[in-house]
Amino acid sequence: MLKTVRRAFQIEDIRKRILYTFAMLIVVRLGSQLPAPGVDPTFIQEFFKNQTGDAFNFFEAFTGGSFTNMSIFALSITPYITSSIIMQLLTIAIPKLEEMQKEGEDGRKKIAAITRYVTVGLALIESTAMAVGFGRQNLLEEYNFVNCAILVCTWTAGSAFLMWIGERITEKGVGNGISIVLLINILSRVPDDFVTLYAQFISGKSLAQKGLAAAVILLVLLVVIVFVVILQSGERKIAVQYSKKVQGRKTYGGQSTHIPLRVNTAGVIPVIFASSLMQTPIVIAQFLGKGNGTGIGSQILAGMNSNNWCDPEHPVYSVGLLVYIVLTVFFAYFYTSITFNPLEIANNMKKNGGFIPGIRPGKPTVEYLQKILNYIIFVGACGLIIVQVIPYFFNGVFGANVSFGGTSLIIIVGVVLDTIKKIESQMLVRNYTGFLNNKGSGMKNSFLGY
């Protein structure tokens, strides 16, 4: 990886793209520290300190501290992520959107434009709910229409501006703009988390205890990262053979290829869906000042709070972890079913004269692909669950409460690996271009010399 980065900086065009990306990320982090007008950060920080749940840690990691600081980027790119997921689901449900997706580049541009409008709409709704909720909690300097309107406009504009930055990074930077913005937000919280771990397990201990605690923390982190790398890069290759076709004097087909099925087919989407579904009721209850009592409703909210999972003193709350695992598996199957269609793959193979060796074309191919896909989804979901449960285990048993967890690690590793691949592909394209240009120049000189 370091070799790829070093070689990338030696190429002027790629170096400019990398520096442009860094400049945009600096803007993101500066905006995350600018407080929104009409908000007293001390009021907000005191409010978050008094919350017992970890629902806000979920937003803290994804927004890079912008949410708890109530900066102009308080919403970060979460409205864009939500709108993208909604559009993917609607593409399956609405035939018109499905047709747009099949139109190629023009169709994707239309869907991207609709996604932007949905993002602004969601940001407007979320910022309005935040302004009213904080105002009712007396967390604003003045709770009136003008102040709330300014906050709504500021937070909505901030989210739209981050979306614009992500698109510019995709166009003029190294690519994966939105993912890189999310990545830098997550990484910005890592130093604070390590400070928390140091104060909790290392500070004030003897030298031997410090060494052992540091070694255990680094070992657990390394094991999880290696496991995530294997999970993200693992794939099942299904061999496909194409029959030969003779048209005139030319022969087409006859080559062997494969269908790559990633082990983690759905990516981090199942984890985000399950986490959001579990934490949203807690967020709403805390905004309304509820959920801290002893009633049945408060007990259910406590079970949904991941801070209480794997706690030896309250094992009954770990039922929430079982619900979370079931939701993760469900969303893994659900999301993969709407993004990968074995029937469509089988039909395309049949039209092009392709077949899986040992499997007849048509329905047997569909059943075979579905069987393999179900197996892969289950393995990938189990991998996601392992990555998620490890931080919850250490949090419950040892009290290691940090903002980054399995979701954050999956995003970090996935975005870094994908970005490195994109840089390598850009370098490869440039080498091909340079080779063709040099070859063309040499031919031109030879012709002129002749």
Protein backbone atom coordinates (compact mmCIF):
# COMPACT_ATOMS: atom_id res chain seq x y z
CA MET A 1 0.00 0.00 0.00
CA LEU A 2 2.81 2.44 0.90
CA LYS A 3 4.52 1.58 -2.37
CA THR A 4 1.33 2.44 -4.28
CA VAL A 5 1.03 5.80 -2.50
CA ARG A 6 4.69 6.62 -3.15
CA ARG A 7 4.35 5.81 -6.83
CA ALA A 8 1.11 7.82 -7.02
CA PHE A 9 2.86 10.97 -5.75
CA GLN A 10 5.43 10.60 -8.53
CA ILE A 11 2.70 11.06 -11.17
CA GLU A 12 1.68 14.70 -11.48
CA ASP A 13 -1.97 14.16 -12.38
CA ILE A 14 -2.62 11.67 -9.57
CA ARG A 15 -0.63 13.80 -7.12
CA LYS A 16 -2.92 16.76 -7.88
CA ARG A 17 -5.97 14.55 -7.31
CA ILE A 18 -4.65 13.40 -3.93
CA LEU A 19 -3.77 16.95 -2.83
CA TYR A 20 -7.21 18.16 -3.99
CA THR A 21 -8.81 15.44 -1.87
CA PHE A 22 -6.74 16.47 1.17
CA ALA A 23 -7.77 20.11 0.70
CA MET A 24 -11.44 19.18 0.59
CA LEU A 25 -11.08 17.05 3.74
CA ILE A 26 -9.48 20.00 5.55
CA VAL A 27 -12.57 22.06 4.68
CA VAL A 28 -14.75 19.25 6.08
CA ARG A 29 -12.89 19.17 9.38
CA LEU A 30 -12.83 22.98 9.72
CA GLY A 31 -16.58 23.14 9.14
CA SER A 32 -17.08 20.45 11.78
CA GLN A 33 -15.65 22.83 14.39
CA LEU A 34 -17.71 25.91 13.46
CA PRO A 35 -20.70 26.22 15.82
CA ALA A 36 -24.12 26.81 14.30
CA PRO A 37 -25.65 30.22 15.06
CA GLY A 38 -28.04 30.38 17.99
CA VAL A 39 -26.62 27.28 19.71
CA ASP A 40 -24.60 27.36 22.90
CA PRO A 41 -22.22 24.36 22.65
CA THR A 42 -21.89 24.14 26.46
CA PHE A 43 -25.65 23.51 26.80
CA ILE A 44 -25.52 20.76 24.19
CA GLN A 45 -22.42 19.09 25.63
CA GLU A 46 -23.95 19.05 29.11
CA PHE A 47 -27.07 17.49 27.64
CA PHE A 48 -25.07 14.69 25.98
CA LYS A 49 -23.04 14.05 29.14
CA ASN A 50 -26.25 13.36 31.04
CA GLN A 51 -27.39 10.73 28.54
CA THR A 52 -26.85 7.14 29.61
CA GLY A 53 -27.37 5.50 26.22
CA ASP A 54 -24.91 5.10 23.37
CA ALA A 55 -27.32 6.10 20.62
CA PHE A 56 -25.54 9.41 20.24
CA ASN A 57 -22.19 7.59 19.97
CA PHE A 58 -23.52 6.15 16.71
CA PHE A 59 -24.00 9.66 15.32
CA GLU A 60 -20.80 10.84 16.99
CA ALA A 61 -18.75 8.34 14.98
CA PHE A 62 -20.52 9.00 11.67
CA THR A 63 -20.44 12.80 11.98
CA GLY A 64 -16.92 13.11 13.37
CA GLY A 65 -18.08 15.01 16.46
CA SER A 66 -20.08 17.53 14.42
CA PHE A 67 -23.35 16.33 15.94
CA THR A 68 -22.38 16.72 19.61
CA ASN A 69 -20.61 20.01 18.83
CA MET A 70 -23.73 21.20 16.98
CA SER A 71 -21.57 22.64 14.21
CA ILE A 72 -22.77 23.78 10.80
CA PHE A 73 -22.11 20.19 9.63
CA ALA A 74 -24.13 18.63 12.48
CA LEU A 75 -26.08 16.40 10.09
CA SER A 76 -22.93 15.47 8.17
CA ILE A 77 -23.69 13.19 5.18
CA THR A 78 -26.19 10.98 7.00
CA PRO A 79 -29.12 12.42 4.95
CA TYR A 80 -27.27 11.51 1.75
CA ILE A 81 -26.60 7.97 2.97
CA THR A 82 -30.26 7.56 3.91
CA SER A 83 -31.47 8.96 0.59
CA SER A 84 -29.13 6.67 -1.35
CA ILE A 85 -30.50 3.64 0.47
CA ILE A 86 -34.07 4.82 -0.13
CA MET A 87 -33.39 5.29 -3.84
CA GLN A 88 -31.89 1.80 -4.12
CA LEU A 89 -35.00 0.34 -2.53
CA LEU A 90 -37.33 2.44 -4.69
CA THR A 91 -35.45 1.36 -7.82
CA ILE A 92 -36.74 -2.14 -7.19
CA ALA A 93 -40.28 -1.04 -6.33
CA ILE A 94 -40.85 1.63 -9.01
CA PRO A 95 -40.55 0.44 -12.65
CA LYS A 96 -39.75 3.98 -13.91
CA LEU A 97 -36.66 4.20 -11.71
CA GLU A 98 -35.65 0.69 -12.75
CA GLU A 99 -35.81 1.78 -16.39
CA MET A 100 -33.65 4.81 -15.59
CA GLN A 101 -31.05 2.57 -14.00
CA LYS A 102 -30.90 0.45 -17.15
CA GLU A 103 -30.45 3.48 -19.42
CA GLY A 104 -26.74 3.65 -18.67
CA GLU A 105 -24.89 6.86 -17.81
CA ASP A 106 -27.84 9.16 -18.58
CA GLY A 107 -30.14 7.14 -16.35
CA ARG A 108 -27.63 7.14 -13.50
CA LYS A 109 -27.32 10.93 -13.77
CA LYS A 110 -31.09 11.28 -13.46
CA ILE A 111 -31.16 9.02 -10.40
CA ALA A 112 -28.24 10.96 -8.89
CA ALA A 113 -30.19 14.22 -9.39
CA ILE A 114 -33.26 12.76 -7.68
CA THR A 115 -31.03 11.51 -4.85
CA ARG A 116 -29.76 15.06 -4.30
CA TYR A 117 -33.32 16.41 -3.99
CA VAL A 118 -34.23 13.63 -1.56
CA THR A 119 -31.09 14.43 0.46
CA VAL A 120 -32.05 18.09 0.81
CA GLY A 121 -35.60 17.08 1.77
CA LEU A 122 -34.39 14.68 4.46
CA ALA A 123 -31.88 17.24 5.76
CA LEU A 124 -34.70 19.79 6.01
CA ILE A 125 -36.89 17.38 7.98
CA GLU A 126 -34.07 16.25 10.30
CA SER A 127 -32.82 19.80 10.97
CA THR A 128 -36.36 20.96 11.76
CA ALA A 129 -36.85 18.09 14.21
CA MET A 130 -33.48 18.87 15.85
CA ALA A 131 -34.19 22.60 16.16
CA VAL A 132 -37.63 22.01 17.70
CA GLY A 133 -36.36 19.18 19.95
CA PHE A 134 -33.41 21.16 21.30
CA GLY A 135 -35.58 24.26 21.65
CA ARG A 136 -38.12 22.43 23.81
CA GLN A 137 -35.26 21.14 25.96
CA ASN A 138 -34.11 24.76 26.48
CA LEU A 139 -30.79 23.97 24.82
CA LEU A 140 -30.89 26.92 22.41
CA GLU A 141 -29.92 30.49 23.25
CA GLU A 142 -33.40 31.63 22.22
CA TYR A 143 -36.27 29.37 21.22
CA ASN A 144 -38.20 31.33 18.63
CA PHE A 145 -39.18 31.03 14.99
CA VAL A 146 -36.33 33.17 13.63
CA ASN A 147 -33.62 31.29 15.51
CA CYS A 148 -35.06 27.91 14.54
CA ALA A 149 -35.35 28.96 10.89
CA ILE A 150 -31.69 30.05 10.86
CA LEU A 151 -30.63 26.73 12.36
CA VAL A 152 -32.72 24.73 9.87
CA CYS A 153 -31.22 26.65 6.93
CA THR A 154 -27.69 26.32 8.33
CA TRP A 155 -27.83 22.56 8.97
CA THR A 156 -29.59 21.85 5.66
CA ALA A 157 -27.05 23.94 3.73
CA GLY A 158 -24.19 22.26 5.60
CA SER A 159 -25.41 18.80 4.65
CA ALA A 160 -25.89 19.86 1.01
CA PHE A 161 -22.40 21.42 0.98
CA LEU A 162 -20.85 18.16 2.26
CA MET A 163 -22.70 16.29 -0.47
CA TRP A 164 -21.21 18.73 -3.01
CA ILE A 165 -17.72 18.19 -1.56
CA GLY A 166 -18.16 14.43 -1.87
CA GLU A 167 -19.14 14.75 -5.51
CA ARG A 168 -16.14 17.01 -6.22
CA ILE A 169 -13.80 14.47 -4.62
CA THR A 170 -15.34 11.79 -6.84
CA GLU A 171 -14.92 13.94 -9.95
CA LYS A 172 -11.62 15.74 -9.33
CA GLY A 173 -10.09 13.72 -6.51
CA VAL A 174 -9.28 10.07 -5.99
CA GLY A 175 -12.93 8.94 -6.16
CA ASN A 176 -15.29 7.52 -3.51
CA GLY A 177 -16.08 11.07 -2.40
CA ILE A 178 -18.95 10.41 0.01
CA SER A 179 -17.20 7.37 1.45
CA ILE A 180 -13.99 9.35 2.03
CA VAL A 181 -15.91 12.12 3.82
CA LEU A 182 -17.46 9.47 6.05
CA LEU A 183 -14.03 7.90 6.55
CA ILE A 184 -12.38 11.14 7.73
CA ASN A 185 -15.25 11.74 10.16
CA ILE A 186 -14.79 8.32 11.71
CA LEU A 187 -10.99 8.63 11.86
CA SER A 188 -11.27 12.02 13.58
CA ARG A 189 -12.79 10.30 16.64
CA VAL A 190 -10.17 7.55 16.89
CA PRO A 191 -7.57 9.63 18.85
CA ASP A 192 -10.17 10.53 21.49
CA ASP A 193 -11.14 6.88 21.76
CA PHE A 194 -7.54 5.85 22.33
CA VAL A 195 -7.23 8.55 25.01
CA THR A 196 -10.33 7.06 26.66
CA LEU A 197 -8.85 3.55 26.52
CA TYR A 198 -5.55 4.83 27.94
CA ALA A 199 -7.25 6.59 30.83
CA GLN A 200 -9.46 3.59 31.52
CA PHE A 201 -7.03 0.65 31.31
CA ILE A 202 -3.44 1.96 31.29
CA SER A 203 -3.17 5.16 33.30
CA GLY A 204 -2.25 4.66 36.96
CA LYS A 205 -1.28 1.00 36.53
CA SER A 206 2.08 -0.65 37.13
CA LEU A 207 4.52 -1.04 34.24
CA ALA A 208 3.66 -4.72 33.76
CA GLN A 209 -0.07 -4.00 33.84
CA LYS A 210 0.37 -1.13 31.37
CA GLY A 211 2.27 -3.37 28.95
CA LEU A 212 -0.26 -6.16 29.23
CA ALA A 213 -3.26 -3.83 28.76
CA ALA A 214 -1.65 -2.11 25.76
CA ALA A 215 -0.76 -5.47 24.20
CA VAL A 216 -4.30 -6.82 24.65
CA ILE A 217 -5.87 -3.67 23.16
CA LEU A 218 -3.55 -3.69 20.14
CA LEU A 219 -3.96 -7.44 19.65
CA VAL A 220 -7.77 -7.25 19.68
CA LEU A 221 -7.70 -4.29 17.29
CA LEU A 222 -5.26 -6.05 14.95
CA VAL A 223 -7.28 -9.29 14.93
CA VAL A 224 -10.50 -7.43 14.13
CA ILE A 225 -8.83 -5.42 11.33
CA VAL A 226 -7.30 -8.54 9.75
CA PHE A 227 -10.64 -10.32 9.98
CA VAL A 228 -12.41 -7.35 8.33
CA VAL A 229 -9.82 -7.32 5.52
CA ILE A 230 -10.42 -11.02 4.88
CA LEU A 231 -14.19 -10.49 5.05
CA GLN A 232 -14.12 -7.54 2.64
CA SER A 233 -11.77 -9.10 0.09
CA GLY A 234 -13.11 -12.67 0.18
CA GLU A 235 -15.15 -13.86 -2.77
CA ARG A 236 -16.53 -17.03 -4.35
CA LYS A 237 -15.75 -17.42 -8.05
CA ILE A 238 -18.31 -19.34 -10.10
CA ALA A 239 -16.80 -20.64 -13.34
CA VAL A 240 -18.65 -19.76 -16.57
CA GLN A 241 -17.92 -21.21 -20.02
CA TYR A 242 -19.04 -19.52 -23.24
CA SER A 243 -19.63 -21.67 -26.32
CA LYS A 244 -18.05 -20.82 -29.68
CA LYS A 245 -20.08 -19.08 -32.36
CA VAL A 246 -19.00 -18.83 -35.99
CA GLN A 247 -20.29 -15.84 -37.94
CA GLY A 248 -18.82 -15.55 -41.42
CA ARG A 249 -15.08 -15.94 -41.13
CA LYS A 250 -14.93 -14.92 -37.47
CA THR A 251 -15.29 -17.06 -34.36
CA TYR A 252 -16.80 -15.54 -31.23
CA GLY A 253 -16.83 -16.83 -27.66
CA GLY A 254 -15.19 -19.98 -26.44
CA GLN A 255 -13.49 -18.31 -23.48
CA SER A 256 -13.78 -19.18 -19.80
CA THR A 257 -14.57 -16.58 -17.17
CA HIS A 258 -16.16 -16.45 -13.74
CA ILE A 259 -18.84 -14.64 -11.72
CA PRO A 260 -17.27 -13.09 -8.59
CA LEU A 261 -19.59 -13.24 -5.58
CA ARG A 262 -18.25 -11.30 -2.60
CA VAL A 263 -18.53 -13.02 0.77
CA ASN A 264 -19.77 -9.78 2.30
CA THR A 265 -22.21 -9.14 -0.56
CA ALA A 266 -24.29 -6.49 1.22
CA GLY A 267 -21.31 -4.65 2.68
CA VAL A 268 -21.97 -2.60 5.81
CA ILE A 269 -25.62 -1.89 4.89
CA PRO A 270 -27.14 -4.63 7.15
CA VAL A 271 -25.19 -3.32 10.14
CA ILE A 272 -26.26 0.28 9.48
CA PHE A 273 -29.91 -0.74 9.05
CA ALA A 274 -29.93 -2.87 12.20
CA SER A 275 -28.07 -0.27 14.29
CA SER A 276 -30.33 2.55 13.12
CA LEU A 277 -33.47 0.52 13.86
CA MET A 278 -32.22 -0.32 17.37
CA GLN A 279 -30.96 3.16 18.27
CA THR A 280 -33.65 5.42 16.77
CA PRO A 281 -36.23 4.75 19.55
CA ILE A 282 -33.54 5.56 22.15
CA VAL A 283 -32.70 8.86 20.44
CA ILE A 284 -36.36 9.87 20.24
CA ALA A 285 -36.96 8.94 23.90
CA GLN A 286 -33.93 10.92 25.08
CA PHE A 287 -34.94 13.98 23.07
CA LEU A 288 -38.36 13.77 24.72
CA GLY A 289 -36.82 13.30 28.17
CA LYS A 290 -38.20 9.78 28.51
CA GLY A 291 -36.62 6.37 29.00
CA ASN A 292 -34.87 6.93 32.35
CA GLY A 293 -37.64 5.46 34.52
CA THR A 294 -38.30 1.95 35.80
CA GLY A 295 -41.34 1.04 33.71
CA ILE A 296 -41.62 -1.61 31.04
CA GLY A 297 -40.92 0.92 28.29
CA SER A 298 -37.71 2.02 29.98
CA GLN A 299 -36.62 -1.61 30.40
CA ILE A 300 -37.22 -2.28 26.69
CA LEU A 301 -35.16 0.80 25.77
CA ALA A 302 -32.41 -0.41 28.12
CA GLY A 303 -32.39 -3.75 26.28
CA MET A 304 -32.07 -1.93 22.96
CA ASN A 305 -29.11 0.07 24.28
CA SER A 306 -25.89 -1.67 23.21
CA ASN A 307 -24.08 -0.26 26.27
CA ASN A 308 -26.04 -2.79 28.34
CA TRP A 309 -25.27 -5.82 26.18
CA CYS A 310 -22.91 -8.51 27.52
CA ASP A 311 -23.12 -6.93 30.98
CA PRO A 312 -22.62 -9.69 33.60
CA GLU A 313 -24.66 -7.72 36.15
CA HIS A 314 -27.68 -7.39 33.84
CA PRO A 315 -27.66 -10.43 31.53
CA VAL A 316 -31.34 -9.99 30.62
CA TYR A 317 -30.48 -6.89 28.57
CA SER A 318 -28.38 -9.06 26.23
CA VAL A 319 -31.67 -10.17 24.67
CA GLY A 320 -31.34 -6.95 22.70
CA LEU A 321 -28.11 -8.32 21.22
CA LEU A 322 -29.96 -11.40 19.98
CA VAL A 323 -32.57 -9.15 18.34
CA TYR A 324 -29.75 -7.14 16.76
CA ILE A 325 -28.15 -10.32 15.36
CA VAL A 326 -31.47 -11.46 13.87
CA LEU A 327 -31.96 -8.03 12.26
CA THR A 328 -28.45 -8.10 10.80
CA VAL A 329 -29.03 -11.51 9.18
CA PHE A 330 -32.45 -10.42 7.90
CA PHE A 331 -31.15 -7.23 6.30
CA ALA A 332 -28.19 -9.12 4.79
CA TYR A 333 -30.60 -11.42 2.93
CA PHE A 334 -33.05 -8.61 2.15
CA TYR A 335 -30.53 -6.15 0.72
CA THR A 336 -28.73 -8.81 -1.32
CA SER A 337 -32.03 -10.04 -2.75
CA ILE A 338 -32.79 -6.60 -4.21
CA THR A 339 -29.28 -5.96 -5.56
CA PHE A 340 -28.43 -9.39 -7.02
CA ASN A 341 -30.96 -11.21 -9.20
CA PRO A 342 -29.96 -14.83 -10.05
CA LEU A 343 -32.75 -15.07 -12.65
CA GLU A 344 -31.41 -12.04 -14.54
CA ILE A 345 -27.85 -13.37 -14.38
CA ALA A 346 -28.95 -16.77 -15.67
CA ASN A 347 -30.94 -15.23 -18.54
CA ASN A 348 -28.03 -13.02 -19.60
CA MET A 349 -25.70 -16.02 -19.56
CA LYS A 350 -28.14 -18.03 -21.69
CA LYS A 351 -28.54 -15.23 -24.25
CA ASN A 352 -24.78 -14.95 -24.67
CA GLY A 353 -24.22 -18.70 -24.91
CA GLY A 354 -22.75 -19.03 -21.44
CA PHE A 355 -23.25 -21.83 -18.93
CA ILE A 356 -21.87 -23.06 -15.64
CA PRO A 357 -19.98 -26.34 -16.19
CA GLY A 358 -22.05 -29.25 -14.90
CA ILE A 359 -25.23 -27.13 -14.56
CA ARG A 360 -27.91 -26.96 -17.26
CA PRO A 361 -28.98 -23.50 -18.46
CA GLY A 362 -32.31 -22.08 -17.32
CA LYS A 363 -34.00 -23.00 -14.06
CA PRO A 364 -31.19 -25.31 -12.79
CA THR A 365 -28.73 -22.40 -13.17
CA VAL A 366 -31.04 -20.07 -11.23
CA GLU A 367 -31.43 -22.63 -8.44
CA TYR A 368 -27.67 -23.24 -8.32
CA LEU A 369 -26.87 -19.50 -8.13
CA GLN A 370 -29.53 -19.00 -5.45
CA LYS A 371 -28.15 -21.88 -3.39
CA ILE A 372 -24.59 -20.54 -3.57
CA LEU A 373 -25.81 -17.01 -2.85
CA ASN A 374 -27.75 -18.10 0.25
CA TYR A 375 -24.66 -19.85 1.58
CA ILE A 376 -22.43 -16.83 0.91
CA ILE A 377 -24.92 -14.40 2.49
CA PHE A 378 -25.05 -16.50 5.65
CA VAL A 379 -21.24 -16.65 5.89
CA GLY A 380 -20.96 -12.91 5.28
CA ALA A 381 -23.65 -12.14 7.88
CA CYS A 382 -21.86 -14.31 10.43
CA GLY A 383 -18.65 -12.40 9.71
CA LEU A 384 -20.43 -9.08 10.23
CA ILE A 385 -21.90 -10.34 13.49
CA ILE A 386 -18.49 -11.43 14.80
CA VAL A 387 -16.97 -8.03 13.98
CA GLN A 388 -19.88 -6.28 15.71
CA VAL A 389 -20.08 -8.49 18.81
CA ILE A 390 -16.38 -8.21 19.74
CA PRO A 391 -16.58 -4.47 20.62
CA TYR A 392 -19.91 -5.02 22.42
CA PHE A 393 -18.35 -7.83 24.46
CA PHE A 394 -15.41 -5.71 25.63
CA ASN A 395 -17.74 -2.79 26.25
CA GLY A 396 -20.10 -4.87 28.40
CA VAL A 397 -17.52 -6.91 30.31
CA PHE A 398 -14.70 -4.36 30.67
CA GLY A 399 -16.54 -1.07 30.15
CA ALA A 400 -14.45 -0.10 27.11
CA ASN A 401 -16.90 2.53 25.84
CA VAL A 402 -15.58 4.04 22.61
CA SER A 403 -17.35 5.65 19.66
CA PHE A 404 -15.87 3.38 16.99
CA GLY A 405 -16.98 -0.21 16.75
CA GLY A 406 -17.40 -2.96 14.22
CA THR A 407 -19.37 -0.74 11.84
CA SER A 408 -16.66 1.92 11.85
CA LEU A 409 -13.88 -0.63 11.31
CA ILE A 410 -15.70 -2.19 8.36
CA ILE A 411 -16.17 1.24 6.79
CA ILE A 412 -12.54 2.25 7.40
CA VAL A 413 -11.06 -0.92 5.95
CA GLY A 414 -13.51 -1.08 3.05
CA VAL A 415 -13.01 2.56 1.99
CA VAL A 416 -9.21 2.40 2.31
CA LEU A 417 -8.96 -0.80 0.24
CA ASP A 418 -11.36 0.52 -2.41
CA THR A 419 -9.54 3.87 -2.63
CA ILE A 420 -6.17 2.16 -3.03
CA LYS A 421 -7.63 0.04 -5.83
CA LYS A 422 -8.96 3.16 -7.59
CA ILE A 423 -5.57 4.87 -7.35
CA GLU A 424 -3.90 1.77 -8.76
CA SER A 425 -6.40 1.64 -11.63
CA GLN A 426 -5.76 5.33 -12.40
CA MET A 427 -2.02 4.64 -12.43
CA LEU A 428 -2.55 1.63 -14.71
CA VAL A 429 -4.67 3.67 -17.15
CA ARG A 430 -2.04 6.39 -17.19
CA ASN A 431 0.71 3.84 -17.91
CA TYR A 432 -1.32 2.47 -20.82
CA THR A 433 -1.92 6.01 -22.09
CA GLY A 434 1.75 6.84 -21.82
CA PHE A 435 2.70 3.65 -23.61
CA LEU A 436 0.31 4.38 -26.48
CA ASN A 437 1.46 7.99 -26.72
CA ASN A 438 5.11 6.99 -26.78
CA LYS A 439 4.40 4.30 -29.31
CA GLY A 440 2.46 6.71 -31.50
CA SER A 441 5.21 9.34 -31.21
CA GLY A 442 7.86 6.82 -32.19
CA MET A 443 5.86 5.72 -35.25
CA LYS A 444 5.37 9.35 -36.25
CA ASN A 445 9.08 10.10 -35.99
CA SER A 446 9.99 7.02 -38.00
CA PHE A 447 7.52 7.96 -40.69
CA LEU A 448 8.86 11.52 -40.92
CA GLY A 449 12.43 10.27 -40.94
CA TYR A 450 11.61 7.88 -43.71
